[in-house]
């Protein structure tokens, strides 16, 4: 096992009563798993808690928290998440970007994604960041604008092929 590089150290951003931290140990597993089991996370499903914990430990996580009372550091409410599956050097796959509905419409999703952009831009040898979305109306324009991402054309025999194989953890709701 290698020691964490500078790019892998815990980072924190603050915006008024909101904080984003890359410390995966702050993320309440039970709450996140309830989100995964909800209709809001149409692209995922809940996991056994040890598997969920392992997925967070093996990812670059961005937990979003709201502090109701700024004088009480322990009064943090978990309200959002994003994960990057990454080697911290050449590749980052962005997934599970979510802000709880009670805090949507405040620019927090944009801020969360900008923090991802800042963290991945700090990787000097990054070859590519990727994500998948089926939301052409909202998500595609959002990621184009906020992260400068482009839709990869998937024409057989030309350019990059966006490919996948469905595993046992693939949510059936995605089969349409």
Protein backbone atom coordinates (compact mmCIF):
# COMPACT_ATOMS: atom_id res chain seq x y z
CA UNK A 1 0.00 0.00 0.00
CA UNK A 2 1.30 3.42 -0.88
CA UNK A 3 1.06 6.52 1.24
CA UNK A 4 -1.51 9.13 0.22
CA UNK A 5 -0.18 11.72 -2.19
CA UNK A 6 -0.86 15.42 -1.83
CA UNK A 7 -3.80 14.96 -4.22
CA UNK A 8 -5.30 12.31 -1.91
CA UNK A 9 -5.24 14.35 1.30
CA UNK A 10 -8.57 15.41 2.78
CA UNK A 11 -9.84 18.69 1.41
CA UNK A 12 -12.59 20.92 2.76
CA UNK A 13 -14.53 23.78 1.18
CA UNK A 14 -16.91 26.11 3.05
CA UNK A 15 -19.69 28.31 1.72
CA UNK A 16 -21.73 29.97 4.48
CA UNK A 17 -23.46 27.23 6.48
CA UNK A 18 -22.40 24.55 3.96
CA UNK A 19 -19.26 22.42 3.91
CA UNK A 20 -17.89 19.91 1.43
CA UNK A 21 -15.33 17.41 2.70
CA UNK A 22 -13.45 14.61 0.98
CA UNK A 23 -13.27 12.68 4.27
CA UNK A 24 -15.30 9.52 3.56
CA UNK A 25 -15.52 8.67 7.27
CA UNK A 26 -17.89 11.63 7.80
CA UNK A 27 -20.55 10.16 5.49
CA UNK A 28 -23.31 8.42 7.48
CA UNK A 29 -23.66 5.01 5.85
CA UNK A 30 -27.26 4.40 6.90
CA UNK A 31 -28.43 7.74 5.49
CA UNK A 32 -26.59 7.23 2.21
CA UNK A 33 -27.98 3.72 1.89
CA UNK A 34 -31.53 5.05 2.41
CA UNK A 35 -30.87 7.50 -0.42
CA UNK A 36 -29.59 4.66 -2.63
CA UNK A 37 -32.80 2.72 -1.91
CA UNK A 38 -35.00 5.71 -2.84
CA UNK A 39 -36.43 6.66 -6.22
CA UNK A 40 -34.15 9.74 -6.18
CA UNK A 41 -31.19 7.44 -6.89
CA UNK A 42 -32.70 5.83 -9.98
CA UNK A 43 -29.24 4.77 -11.16
CA UNK A 44 -28.31 2.82 -8.01
CA UNK A 45 -29.69 0.60 -5.30
CA UNK A 46 -28.83 0.09 -1.65
CA UNK A 47 -25.86 -2.06 -0.67
CA UNK A 48 -24.87 -4.16 2.32
CA UNK A 49 -23.27 -1.66 4.72
CA UNK A 50 -19.77 -3.25 4.55
CA UNK A 51 -19.88 -3.01 0.73
CA UNK A 52 -21.05 0.60 0.90
CA UNK A 53 -18.28 1.48 3.32
CA UNK A 54 -15.69 -0.20 1.10
CA UNK A 55 -16.96 1.69 -1.97
CA UNK A 56 -16.56 4.99 -0.11
CA UNK A 57 -13.11 4.11 1.20
CA UNK A 58 -11.98 3.21 -2.33
CA UNK A 59 -13.30 6.44 -3.87
CA UNK A 60 -12.60 10.14 -3.76
CA UNK A 61 -15.78 11.21 -1.93
CA UNK A 62 -17.30 14.65 -1.66
CA UNK A 63 -19.74 14.81 1.26
CA UNK A 64 -21.97 17.90 1.41
CA UNK A 65 -23.06 19.06 4.88
CA UNK A 66 -25.26 21.80 6.26
CA UNK A 67 -24.45 23.28 9.66
CA UNK A 68 -27.62 24.60 11.26
CA UNK A 69 -25.69 26.26 14.11
CA UNK A 70 -22.26 27.50 13.07
CA UNK A 71 -21.19 27.59 16.77
CA UNK A 72 -21.71 23.82 17.09
CA UNK A 73 -19.27 21.86 14.90
CA UNK A 74 -21.09 18.60 15.70
CA UNK A 75 -24.41 19.83 14.30
CA UNK A 76 -23.68 18.83 10.69
CA UNK A 77 -26.44 17.45 8.53
CA UNK A 78 -25.44 15.24 5.59
CA UNK A 79 -27.29 16.64 2.56
CA UNK A 80 -25.35 15.54 -0.52
CA UNK A 81 -22.65 13.43 -2.08
CA UNK A 82 -20.52 12.91 -5.14
CA UNK A 83 -17.89 10.25 -5.75
CA UNK A 84 -14.97 9.90 -8.09
CA UNK A 85 -13.67 6.44 -8.76
CA UNK A 86 -10.08 7.28 -9.51
CA UNK A 87 -6.46 6.20 -9.41
CA UNK A 88 -5.65 9.81 -8.36
CA UNK A 89 -3.27 10.06 -11.31
CA UNK A 90 -4.74 9.43 -14.77
CA UNK A 91 -8.47 8.71 -14.55
CA UNK A 92 -11.60 9.83 -12.70
CA UNK A 93 -15.11 8.46 -13.11
CA UNK A 94 -17.73 10.78 -11.59
CA UNK A 95 -20.77 9.10 -10.07
CA UNK A 96 -23.48 9.40 -7.43
CA UNK A 97 -23.81 13.18 -7.65
CA UNK A 98 -26.77 14.07 -5.46
CA UNK A 99 -28.12 16.92 -3.34
CA UNK A 100 -31.06 16.11 -1.07
CA UNK A 101 -34.29 17.59 -2.38
CA UNK A 102 -34.67 19.79 0.73
CA UNK A 103 -31.55 21.72 -0.32
CA UNK A 104 -31.90 21.72 -4.11
CA UNK A 105 -32.24 24.99 -6.00
CA UNK A 106 -29.56 26.76 -3.94
CA UNK A 107 -26.60 26.23 -6.30
CA UNK A 108 -25.18 23.48 -4.09
CA UNK A 109 -25.02 20.90 -6.90
CA UNK A 110 -23.05 23.35 -9.04
CA UNK A 111 -20.70 24.04 -6.11
CA UNK A 112 -20.30 20.31 -5.43
CA UNK A 113 -19.39 19.64 -9.06
CA UNK A 114 -17.02 22.64 -9.14
CA UNK A 115 -15.21 21.09 -6.15
CA UNK A 116 -14.88 17.87 -8.14
CA UNK A 117 -13.43 19.92 -10.99
CA UNK A 118 -10.94 21.59 -8.66
CA UNK A 119 -9.85 18.25 -7.21
CA UNK A 120 -9.44 16.58 -10.60
CA UNK A 121 -7.65 19.59 -12.11
CA UNK A 122 -5.07 19.20 -9.33
CA UNK A 123 -4.14 15.81 -10.85
CA UNK A 124 -1.37 16.87 -13.27
CA UNK A 125 -1.38 13.61 -15.25
CA UNK A 126 -5.14 13.20 -15.54
CA UNK A 127 -5.99 11.72 -18.95
CA UNK A 128 -9.76 11.89 -18.68
CA UNK A 129 -12.75 12.35 -16.44
CA UNK A 130 -15.89 10.48 -17.39
CA UNK A 131 -19.46 10.10 -16.31
CA UNK A 132 -22.63 8.51 -17.60
CA UNK A 133 -26.02 10.14 -17.55
CA UNK A 134 -29.34 9.38 -19.17
CA UNK A 135 -30.67 12.87 -18.40
CA UNK A 136 -30.07 14.69 -21.69
CA UNK A 137 -32.31 17.60 -20.74
CA UNK A 138 -30.68 18.70 -17.47
CA UNK A 139 -27.50 16.77 -16.72
CA UNK A 140 -25.77 16.94 -20.10
CA UNK A 141 -25.97 20.77 -20.38
CA UNK A 142 -25.10 21.08 -16.67
CA UNK A 143 -21.88 19.04 -16.93
CA UNK A 144 -20.96 20.71 -20.22
CA UNK A 145 -21.22 24.13 -18.58
CA UNK A 146 -19.82 23.44 -15.10
CA UNK A 147 -17.05 20.94 -15.91
CA UNK A 148 -16.48 21.60 -19.60
CA UNK A 149 -17.34 17.99 -20.40
CA UNK A 150 -18.28 16.87 -23.89
CA UNK A 151 -20.59 14.14 -25.08
CA UNK A 152 -18.46 11.35 -26.51
CA UNK A 153 -19.90 10.24 -29.82
CA UNK A 154 -20.44 6.52 -29.86
CA UNK A 155 -20.62 5.63 -33.53
CA UNK A 156 -19.49 2.03 -34.07
CA UNK A 157 -15.98 1.86 -35.47
CA UNK A 158 -15.22 5.55 -34.89
CA UNK A 159 -13.90 7.39 -31.86
CA UNK A 160 -14.34 6.25 -28.30
CA UNK A 161 -16.83 3.49 -27.55
CA UNK A 162 -18.68 4.04 -24.28
CA UNK A 163 -19.19 0.41 -23.21
CA UNK A 164 -20.51 -1.37 -20.18
CA UNK A 165 -21.41 -4.79 -18.89
CA UNK A 166 -24.30 -5.09 -16.47
CA UNK A 167 -23.37 -6.71 -13.17
CA UNK A 168 -25.54 -8.17 -10.42
CA UNK A 169 -25.68 -4.74 -8.75
CA UNK A 170 -27.16 -3.01 -11.81
CA UNK A 171 -30.55 -1.53 -10.86
CA UNK A 172 -33.38 -3.14 -12.78
CA UNK A 173 -35.09 0.26 -13.05
CA UNK A 174 -32.40 1.26 -15.57
CA UNK A 175 -33.51 -1.43 -18.04
CA UNK A 176 -36.47 0.74 -18.91
